[in-house]
Amino acid sequence: MGLPFPERAAVYLPGTRYAAEVCAFWKTCRLPPCRRAKACRGEVRPDADMPSWQLAFPPCTRGDEELKWKLINTVTRLQDELRAKHRK
């Protein structure tokens, strides 16, 4: 079954929020708190039909394949940069 929702969101969201900030998604975000903070502030509120993988994505990326893949690619790049930094 895995972790309950609050624990999963606590694990996944900080990393994807940071990646969303790197991508500057806040500039065009539909959520006013994100635009005001110039940072991702999106919360995930689960619903019965939400696949568990969506817990890793801020709400601004849901339903937008281009944003979702930009976020995935940014997370991958950031992970690669972090691995390279720690190999030195």
PDB file of N, CA and C in Angstrom:
ATOM      1  N   MET A   1       0.825  -1.201   0.000  1.00  0.00           N
ATOM      2  CA  MET A   1       0.000   0.000   0.000  1.00  0.00           C
ATOM      3  C   MET A   1       0.864   1.257   0.000  1.00  0.00           C
ATOM      4  N   GLY A   2       1.917   1.283   0.816  1.00  0.00           N
ATOM      5  CA  GLY A   2       2.785   2.448   0.826  1.00  0.00           C
ATOM      6  C   GLY A   2       2.416   3.454   1.904  1.00  0.00           C
ATOM      7  N   LEU A   3       3.047   4.597   1.830  1.00  0.00           N
ATOM      8  CA  LEU A   3       2.818   5.652   2.809  1.00  0.00           C
ATOM      9  C   LEU A   3       1.458   6.313   2.616  1.00  0.00           C
ATOM     10  N   PRO A   4       0.855   6.809   3.697  1.00  0.00           N
ATOM     11  CA  PRO A   4      -0.379   7.582   3.570  1.00  0.00           C
ATOM     12  C   PRO A   4      -0.111   8.889   2.812  1.00  0.00           C
ATOM     13  N   PHE A   5      -1.169   9.499   2.305  1.00  0.00           N
ATOM     14  CA  PHE A   5      -1.034  10.691   1.469  1.00  0.00           C
ATOM     15  C   PHE A   5      -0.163  11.794   2.078  1.00  0.00           C
ATOM     16  N   PRO A   6      -0.407  12.224   3.311  1.00  0.00           N
ATOM     17  CA  PRO A   6       0.397  13.344   3.825  1.00  0.00           C
ATOM     18  C   PRO A   6       1.896  13.069   3.817  1.00  0.00           C
ATOM     19  N   GLU A   7       2.282  11.836   4.130  1.00  0.00           N
ATOM     20  CA  GLU A   7       3.707  11.498   4.133  1.00  0.00           C
ATOM     21  C   GLU A   7       4.264  11.462   2.717  1.00  0.00           C
ATOM     22  N   ARG A   8       3.503  10.938   1.766  1.00  0.00           N
ATOM     23  CA  ARG A   8       3.978  10.922   0.377  1.00  0.00           C
ATOM     24  C   ARG A   8       4.146  12.333  -0.159  1.00  0.00           C
ATOM     25  N   ALA A   9       3.174  13.190   0.095  1.00  0.00           N
ATOM     26  CA  ALA A   9       3.271  14.574  -0.379  1.00  0.00           C
ATOM     27  C   ALA A   9       4.465  15.272   0.254  1.00  0.00           C
ATOM     28  N   ALA A  10       4.719  15.005   1.536  1.00  0.00           N
ATOM     29  CA  ALA A  10       5.849  15.626   2.226  1.00  0.00           C
ATOM     30  C   ALA A  10       7.180  15.191   1.622  1.00  0.00           C
ATOM     31  N   VAL A  11       7.235  13.995   1.060  1.00  0.00           N
ATOM     32  CA  VAL A  11       8.459  13.484   0.447  1.00  0.00           C
ATOM     33  C   VAL A  11       8.623  14.020  -0.974  1.00  0.00           C
ATOM     34  N   TYR A  12       7.569  13.986  -1.761  1.00  0.00           N
ATOM     35  CA  TYR A  12       7.667  14.326  -3.184  1.00  0.00           C
ATOM     36  C   TYR A  12       7.650  15.823  -3.481  1.00  0.00           C
ATOM     37  N   LEU A  13       6.754  16.551  -2.845  1.00  0.00           N
ATOM     38  CA  LEU A  13       6.532  17.939  -3.235  1.00  0.00           C
ATOM     39  C   LEU A  13       7.721  18.880  -3.095  1.00  0.00           C
ATOM     40  N   PRO A  14       8.526  18.816  -2.041  1.00  0.00           N
ATOM     41  CA  PRO A  14       9.630  19.787  -1.956  1.00  0.00           C
ATOM     42  C   PRO A  14      10.559  19.752  -3.176  1.00  0.00           C
ATOM     43  N   GLY A  15      10.865  18.571  -3.660  1.00  0.00           N
ATOM     44  CA  GLY A  15      11.749  18.470  -4.822  1.00  0.00           C
ATOM     45  C   GLY A  15      11.121  18.994  -6.093  1.00  0.00           C
ATOM     46  N   THR A  16       9.863  18.657  -6.318  1.00  0.00           N
ATOM     47  CA  THR A  16       9.227  19.129  -7.546  1.00  0.00           C
ATOM     48  C   THR A  16       8.874  20.612  -7.454  1.00  0.00           C
ATOM     49  N   ARG A  17       8.602  21.099  -6.252  1.00  0.00           N
ATOM     50  CA  ARG A  17       8.391  22.549  -6.109  1.00  0.00           C
ATOM     51  C   ARG A  17       9.673  23.302  -6.453  1.00  0.00           C
ATOM     52  N   TYR A  18      10.800  22.795  -5.972  1.00  0.00           N
ATOM     53  CA  TYR A  18      12.074  23.443  -6.295  1.00  0.00           C
ATOM     54  C   TYR A  18      12.296  23.431  -7.812  1.00  0.00           C
ATOM     55  N   ALA A  19      12.042  22.301  -8.447  1.00  0.00           N
ATOM     56  CA  ALA A  19      12.200  22.219  -9.902  1.00  0.00           C
ATOM     57  C   ALA A  19      11.250  23.180 -10.603  1.00  0.00           C
ATOM     58  N   ALA A  20      10.019  23.325 -10.102  1.00  0.00           N
ATOM     59  CA  ALA A  20       9.070  24.269 -10.686  1.00  0.00           C
ATOM     60  C   ALA A  20       9.585  25.703 -10.556  1.00  0.00           C
ATOM     61  N   GLU A  21      10.258  26.003  -9.449  1.00  0.00           N
ATOM     62  CA  GLU A  21      10.844  27.330  -9.272  1.00  0.00           C
ATOM     63  C   GLU A  21      11.996  27.546 -10.249  1.00  0.00           C
ATOM     64  N   VAL A  22      12.828  26.518 -10.437  1.00  0.00           N
ATOM     65  CA  VAL A  22      13.925  26.611 -11.402  1.00  0.00           C
ATOM     66  C   VAL A  22      13.370  26.886 -12.798  1.00  0.00           C
ATOM     67  N   CYS A  23      12.245  26.274 -13.120  1.00  0.00           N
ATOM     68  CA  CYS A  23      11.588  26.474 -14.423  1.00  0.00           C
ATOM     69  C   CYS A  23      10.822  27.797 -14.494  1.00  0.00           C
ATOM     70  N   ALA A  24      10.704  28.487 -13.375  1.00  0.00           N
ATOM     71  CA  ALA A  24       9.961  29.752 -13.282  1.00  0.00           C
ATOM     72  C   ALA A  24       8.486  29.586 -13.643  1.00  0.00           C
ATOM     73  N   PHE A  25       7.902  28.468 -13.254  1.00  0.00           N
ATOM     74  CA  PHE A  25       6.480  28.244 -13.510  1.00  0.00           C
ATOM     75  C   PHE A  25       5.614  29.277 -12.796  1.00  0.00           C
ATOM     76  N   TRP A  26       6.127  29.874 -11.721  1.00  0.00           N
ATOM     77  CA  TRP A  26       5.350  30.848 -10.960  1.00  0.00           C
ATOM     78  C   TRP A  26       4.959  32.052 -11.813  1.00  0.00           C
ATOM     79  N   LYS A  27       5.720  32.344 -12.849  1.00  0.00           N
ATOM     80  CA  LYS A  27       5.427  33.520 -13.688  1.00  0.00           C
ATOM     81  C   LYS A  27       4.066  33.414 -14.379  1.00  0.00           C
ATOM     82  N   THR A  28       3.681  32.201 -14.715  1.00  0.00           N
ATOM     83  CA  THR A  28       2.411  32.009 -15.427  1.00  0.00           C
ATOM     84  C   THR A  28       1.439  31.140 -14.641  1.00  0.00           C
ATOM     85  N   CYS A  29       1.736  30.877 -13.381  1.00  0.00           N
ATOM     86  CA  CYS A  29       0.893  29.996 -12.569  1.00  0.00           C
ATOM     87  C   CYS A  29      -0.493  30.600 -12.382  1.00  0.00           C
ATOM     88  N   ARG A  30      -1.494  29.732 -12.389  1.00  0.00           N
ATOM     89  CA  ARG A  30      -2.870  30.189 -12.175  1.00  0.00           C
ATOM     90  C   ARG A  30      -3.155  30.451 -10.701  1.00  0.00           C
ATOM     91  N   LEU A  31      -2.227  30.077  -9.814  1.00  0.00           N
ATOM     92  CA  LEU A  31      -2.433  30.255  -8.375  1.00  0.00           C
ATOM     93  C   LEU A  31      -1.786  31.567  -7.901  1.00  0.00           C
ATOM     94  N   PRO A  32      -2.584  32.509  -7.393  1.00  0.00           N
ATOM     95  CA  PRO A  32      -2.034  33.788  -6.942  1.00  0.00           C
ATOM     96  C   PRO A  32      -0.925  33.673  -5.888  1.00  0.00           C
ATOM     97  N   PRO A  33      -1.010  32.732  -4.912  1.00  0.00           N
ATOM     98  CA  PRO A  33       0.088  32.664  -3.933  1.00  0.00           C
ATOM     99  C   PRO A  33       1.454  32.388  -4.575  1.00  0.00           C
ATOM    100  N   CYS A  34       1.467  31.610  -5.632  1.00  0.00           N
ATOM    101  CA  CYS A  34       2.735  31.312  -6.312  1.00  0.00           C
ATOM    102  C   CYS A  34       3.272  32.554  -7.016  1.00  0.00           C
ATOM    103  N   ARG A  35       2.387  33.247  -7.709  1.00  0.00           N
ATOM    104  CA  ARG A  35       2.824  34.452  -8.418  1.00  0.00           C
ATOM    105  C   ARG A  35       3.325  35.509  -7.442  1.00  0.00           C
ATOM    106  N   ARG A  36       2.617  35.693  -6.326  1.00  0.00           N
ATOM    107  CA  ARG A  36       3.035  36.702  -5.337  1.00  0.00           C
ATOM    108  C   ARG A  36       4.377  36.342  -4.707  1.00  0.00           C
ATOM    109  N   ALA A  37       4.565  35.074  -4.383  1.00  0.00           N
ATOM    110  CA  ALA A  37       5.800  34.635  -3.724  1.00  0.00           C
ATOM    111  C   ALA A  37       6.956  34.461  -4.703  1.00  0.00           C
ATOM    112  N   LYS A  38       6.651  34.457  -6.002  1.00  0.00           N
ATOM    113  CA  LYS A  38       7.652  34.169  -7.033  1.00  0.00           C
ATOM    114  C   LYS A  38       8.323  32.825  -6.742  1.00  0.00           C
ATOM    115  N   ALA A  39       7.479  31.889  -6.330  1.00  0.00           N
ATOM    116  CA  ALA A  39       7.932  30.548  -5.971  1.00  0.00           C
ATOM    117  C   ALA A  39       6.729  29.615  -5.983  1.00  0.00           C
ATOM    118  N   CYS A  40       6.977  28.329  -6.156  1.00  0.00           N
ATOM    119  CA  CYS A  40       5.898  27.354  -6.151  1.00  0.00           C
ATOM    120  C   CYS A  40       5.349  27.194  -4.740  1.00  0.00           C
ATOM    121  N   ARG A  41       4.056  27.398  -4.593  1.00  0.00           N
ATOM    122  CA  ARG A  41       3.371  27.228  -3.312  1.00  0.00           C
ATOM    123  C   ARG A  41       2.198  26.260  -3.444  1.00  0.00           C
ATOM    124  N   GLY A  42       2.102  25.597  -4.589  1.00  0.00           N
ATOM    125  CA  GLY A  42       0.970  24.712  -4.859  1.00  0.00           C
ATOM    126  C   GLY A  42       0.899  23.541  -3.901  1.00  0.00           C
ATOM    127  N   GLU A  43      -0.292  23.266  -3.433  1.00  0.00           N
ATOM    128  CA  GLU A  43      -0.552  22.134  -2.548  1.00  0.00           C
ATOM    129  C   GLU A  43      -1.257  21.042  -3.341  1.00  0.00           C
ATOM    130  N   VAL A  44      -1.027  19.827  -2.974  1.00  0.00           N
ATOM    131  CA  VAL A  44      -1.726  18.708  -3.596  1.00  0.00           C
ATOM    132  C   VAL A  44      -2.848  18.286  -2.664  1.00  0.00           C
ATOM    133  N   ARG A  45      -4.038  18.313  -3.194  1.00  0.00           N
ATOM    134  CA  ARG A  45      -5.202  17.832  -2.440  1.00  0.00           C
ATOM    135  C   ARG A  45      -5.716  16.598  -3.158  1.00  0.00           C
ATOM    136  N   PRO A  46      -5.588  15.454  -2.521  1.00  0.00           N
ATOM    137  CA  PRO A  46      -5.956  14.215  -3.218  1.00  0.00           C
ATOM    138  C   PRO A  46      -7.454  14.097  -3.449  1.00  0.00           C
ATOM    139  N   ASP A  47      -7.786  13.438  -4.532  1.00  0.00           N
ATOM    140  CA  ASP A  47      -9.171  13.058  -4.741  1.00  0.00           C
ATOM    141  C   ASP A  47      -9.196  11.576  -5.092  1.00  0.00           C
ATOM    142  N   ALA A  48     -10.356  11.025  -5.128  1.00  0.00           N
ATOM    143  CA  ALA A  48     -10.494   9.576  -5.296  1.00  0.00           C
ATOM    144  C   ALA A  48      -9.923   9.081  -6.624  1.00  0.00           C
ATOM    145  N   ASP A  49      -9.940   9.926  -7.647  1.00  0.00           N
ATOM    146  CA  ASP A  49      -9.495   9.501  -8.976  1.00  0.00           C
ATOM    147  C   ASP A  49      -8.040   9.841  -9.264  1.00  0.00           C
ATOM    148  N   MET A  50      -7.326  10.395  -8.293  1.00  0.00           N
ATOM    149  CA  MET A  50      -5.956  10.844  -8.531  1.00  0.00           C
ATOM    150  C   MET A  50      -4.976   9.675  -8.481  1.00  0.00           C
ATOM    151  N   PRO A  51      -4.254   9.430  -9.586  1.00  0.00           N
ATOM    152  CA  PRO A  51      -3.213   8.401  -9.536  1.00  0.00           C
ATOM    153  C   PRO A  51      -2.101   8.849  -8.581  1.00  0.00           C
ATOM    154  N   SER A  52      -1.462   7.897  -7.935  1.00  0.00           N
ATOM    155  CA  SER A  52      -0.459   8.245  -6.930  1.00  0.00           C
ATOM    156  C   SER A  52       0.718   9.016  -7.517  1.00  0.00           C
ATOM    157  N   TRP A  53       1.058   8.814  -8.799  1.00  0.00           N
ATOM    158  CA  TRP A  53       2.195   9.534  -9.373  1.00  0.00           C
ATOM    159  C   TRP A  53       1.946  11.034  -9.412  1.00  0.00           C
ATOM    160  N   GLN A  54       0.672  11.456  -9.424  1.00  0.00           N
ATOM    161  CA  GLN A  54       0.380  12.892  -9.463  1.00  0.00           C
ATOM    162  C   GLN A  54       0.749  13.603  -8.175  1.00  0.00           C
ATOM    163  N   LEU A  55       0.978  12.844  -7.106  1.00  0.00           N
ATOM    164  CA  LEU A  55       1.386  13.461  -5.846  1.00  0.00           C
ATOM    165  C   LEU A  55       2.728  14.162  -5.972  1.00  0.00           C
ATOM    166  N   ALA A  56       3.506  13.777  -6.958  1.00  0.00           N
ATOM    167  CA  ALA A  56       4.831  14.364  -7.144  1.00  0.00           C
ATOM    168  C   ALA A  56       4.789  15.672  -7.919  1.00  0.00           C
ATOM    169  N   PHE A  57       3.631  16.045  -8.446  1.00  0.00           N
ATOM    170  CA  PHE A  57       3.545  17.216  -9.308  1.00  0.00           C
ATOM    171  C   PHE A  57       2.736  18.339  -8.678  1.00  0.00           C
ATOM    172  N   PRO A  58       3.250  19.580  -8.727  1.00  0.00           N
ATOM    173  CA  PRO A  58       2.453  20.713  -8.266  1.00  0.00           C
ATOM    174  C   PRO A  58       1.189  20.829  -9.136  1.00  0.00           C
ATOM    175  N   PRO A  59       0.130  21.435  -8.606  1.00  0.00           N
ATOM    176  CA  PRO A  59      -1.125  21.489  -9.344  1.00  0.00           C
ATOM    177  C   PRO A  59      -1.038  22.226 -10.682  1.00  0.00           C
ATOM    178  N   CYS A  60      -0.103  23.146 -10.833  1.00  0.00           N
ATOM    179  CA  CYS A  60      -0.012  23.899 -12.094  1.00  0.00           C
ATOM    180  C   CYS A  60       0.370  23.017 -13.267  1.00  0.00           C
ATOM    181  N   THR A  61       0.957  21.862 -13.011  1.00  0.00           N
ATOM    182  CA  THR A  61       1.405  21.005 -14.112  1.00  0.00           C
ATOM    183  C   THR A  61       0.356  19.973 -14.523  1.00  0.00           C
ATOM    184  N   ARG A  62      -0.664  19.781 -13.712  1.00  0.00           N
ATOM    185  CA  ARG A  62      -1.664  18.766 -14.035  1.00  0.00           C
ATOM    186  C   ARG A  62      -2.486  19.170 -15.245  1.00  0.00           C
ATOM    187  N   GLY A  63      -2.615  18.247 -16.174  1.00  0.00           N
ATOM    188  CA  GLY A  63      -3.380  18.510 -17.381  1.00  0.00           C
ATOM    189  C   GLY A  63      -2.585  19.220 -18.462  1.00  0.00           C
ATOM    190  N   ASP A  64      -1.331  19.529 -18.211  1.00  0.00           N
ATOM    191  CA  ASP A  64      -0.486  20.210 -19.192  1.00  0.00           C
ATOM    192  C   ASP A  64       0.755  19.356 -19.430  1.00  0.00           C
ATOM    193  N   GLU A  65       0.720  18.590 -20.498  1.00  0.00           N
ATOM    194  CA  GLU A  65       1.820  17.660 -20.787  1.00  0.00           C
ATOM    195  C   GLU A  65       3.154  18.371 -20.976  1.00  0.00           C
ATOM    196  N   GLU A  66       3.134  19.542 -21.602  1.00  0.00           N
ATOM    197  CA  GLU A  66       4.384  20.273 -21.828  1.00  0.00           C
ATOM    198  C   GLU A  66       5.039  20.669 -20.501  1.00  0.00           C
ATOM    199  N   LEU A  67       4.243  21.218 -19.576  1.00  0.00           N
ATOM    200  CA  LEU A  67       4.793  21.592 -18.270  1.00  0.00           C
ATOM    201  C   LEU A  67       5.256  20.365 -17.497  1.00  0.00           C
ATOM    202  N   LYS A  68       4.468  19.295 -17.564  1.00  0.00           N
ATOM    203  CA  LYS A  68       4.825  18.070 -16.836  1.00  0.00           C
ATOM    204  C   LYS A  68       6.184  17.553 -17.301  1.00  0.00           C
ATOM    205  N   TRP A  69       6.398  17.503 -18.618  1.00  0.00           N
ATOM    206  CA  TRP A  69       7.669  16.979 -19.121  1.00  0.00           C
ATOM    207  C   TRP A  69       8.822  17.940 -18.886  1.00  0.00           C
ATOM    208  N   LYS A  70       8.541  19.233 -18.904  1.00  0.00           N
ATOM    209  CA  LYS A  70       9.598  20.196 -18.564  1.00  0.00           C
ATOM    210  C   LYS A  70      10.019  19.990 -17.111  1.00  0.00           C
ATOM    211  N   LEU A  71       9.048  19.748 -16.233  1.00  0.00           N
ATOM    212  CA  LEU A  71       9.350  19.495 -14.825  1.00  0.00           C
ATOM    213  C   LEU A  71      10.140  18.203 -14.658  1.00  0.00           C
ATOM    214  N   ILE A  72       9.729  17.143 -15.327  1.00  0.00           N
ATOM    215  CA  ILE A  72      10.435  15.862 -15.246  1.00  0.00           C
ATOM    216  C   ILE A  72      11.875  16.017 -15.721  1.00  0.00           C
ATOM    217  N   ASN A  73      12.064  16.690 -16.835  1.00  0.00           N
ATOM    218  CA  ASN A  73      13.417  16.887 -17.372  1.00  0.00           C
ATOM    219  C   ASN A  73      14.266  17.739 -16.437  1.00  0.00           C
ATOM    220  N   THR A  74      13.667  18.734 -15.802  1.00  0.00           N
ATOM    221  CA  THR A  74      14.403  19.583 -14.863  1.00  0.00           C
ATOM    222  C   THR A  74      14.798  18.795 -13.621  1.00  0.00           C
ATOM    223  N   VAL A  75      13.886  17.984 -13.088  1.00  0.00           N
ATOM    224  CA  VAL A  75      14.217  17.140 -11.929  1.00  0.00           C
ATOM    225  C   VAL A  75      15.373  16.211 -12.277  1.00  0.00           C
ATOM    226  N   THR A  76      15.324  15.607 -13.448  1.00  0.00           N
ATOM    227  CA  THR A  76      16.390  14.702 -13.887  1.00  0.00           C
ATOM    228  C   THR A  76      17.722  15.445 -13.983  1.00  0.00           C
ATOM    229  N   ARG A  77      17.707  16.636 -14.577  1.00  0.00           N
ATOM    230  CA  ARG A  77      18.931  17.430 -14.711  1.00  0.00           C
ATOM    231  C   ARG A  77      19.489  17.810 -13.347  1.00  0.00           C
ATOM    232  N   LEU A  78      18.613  18.234 -12.432  1.00  0.00           N
ATOM    233  CA  LEU A  78      19.068  18.610 -11.091  1.00  0.00           C
ATOM    234  C   LEU A  78      19.652  17.416 -10.345  1.00  0.00           C
ATOM    235  N   GLN A  79      19.036  16.260 -10.498  1.00  0.00           N
ATOM    236  CA  GLN A  79      19.574  15.047  -9.868  1.00  0.00           C
ATOM    237  C   GLN A  79      20.948  14.707 -10.435  1.00  0.00           C
ATOM    238  N   ASP A  80      21.091  14.807 -11.755  1.00  0.00           N
ATOM    239  CA  ASP A  80      22.381  14.526 -12.390  1.00  0.00           C
ATOM    240  C   ASP A  80      23.455  15.491 -11.899  1.00  0.00           C
ATOM    241  N   GLU A  81      23.096  16.783 -11.778  1.00  0.00           N
ATOM    242  CA  GLU A  81      24.051  17.782 -11.292  1.00  0.00           C
ATOM    243  C   GLU A  81      24.471  17.489  -9.855  1.00  0.00           C
ATOM    244  N   LEU A  82      23.521  17.083  -9.032  1.00  0.00           N
ATOM    245  CA  LEU A  82      23.820  16.769  -7.641  1.00  0.00           C
ATOM    246  C   LEU A  82      24.720  15.538  -7.540  1.00  0.00           C
ATOM    247  N   ARG A  83      24.431  14.507  -8.340  1.00  0.00           N
ATOM    248  CA  ARG A  83      25.289  13.312  -8.338  1.00  0.00           C
ATOM    249  C   ARG A  83      26.703  13.660  -8.762  1.00  0.00           C
ATOM    250  N   ALA A  84      26.826  14.467  -9.813  1.00  0.00           N
ATOM    251  CA  ALA A  84      28.147  14.847 -10.314  1.00  0.00           C
ATOM    252  C   ALA A  84      28.913  15.631  -9.251  1.00  0.00           C
ATOM    253  N   LYS A  85      28.218  16.510  -8.549  1.00  0.00           N
ATOM    254  CA  LYS A  85      28.854  17.323  -7.517  1.00  0.00           C
ATOM    255  C   LYS A  85      29.397  16.442  -6.383  1.00  0.00           C
ATOM    256  N   HIS A  86      28.674  15.408  -6.028  1.00  0.00           N
ATOM    257  CA  HIS A  86      29.092  14.556  -4.926  1.00  0.00           C
ATOM    258  C   HIS A  86      30.084  13.484  -5.319  1.00  0.00           C
ATOM    259  N   ARG A  87      30.322  13.316  -6.599  1.00  0.00           N
ATOM    260  CA  ARG A  87      31.342  12.355  -7.057  1.00  0.00           C
ATOM    261  C   ARG A  87      32.736  12.949  -7.006  1.00  0.00           C
ATOM    262  N   LYS A  88      32.822  14.261  -6.954  1.00  0.00           N
ATOM    263  CA  LYS A  88      34.130  14.927  -6.986  1.00  0.00           C
ATOM    264  C   LYS A  88      34.925  14.648  -5.737  1.00  0.00           C
TER     265      LYS A  88
END
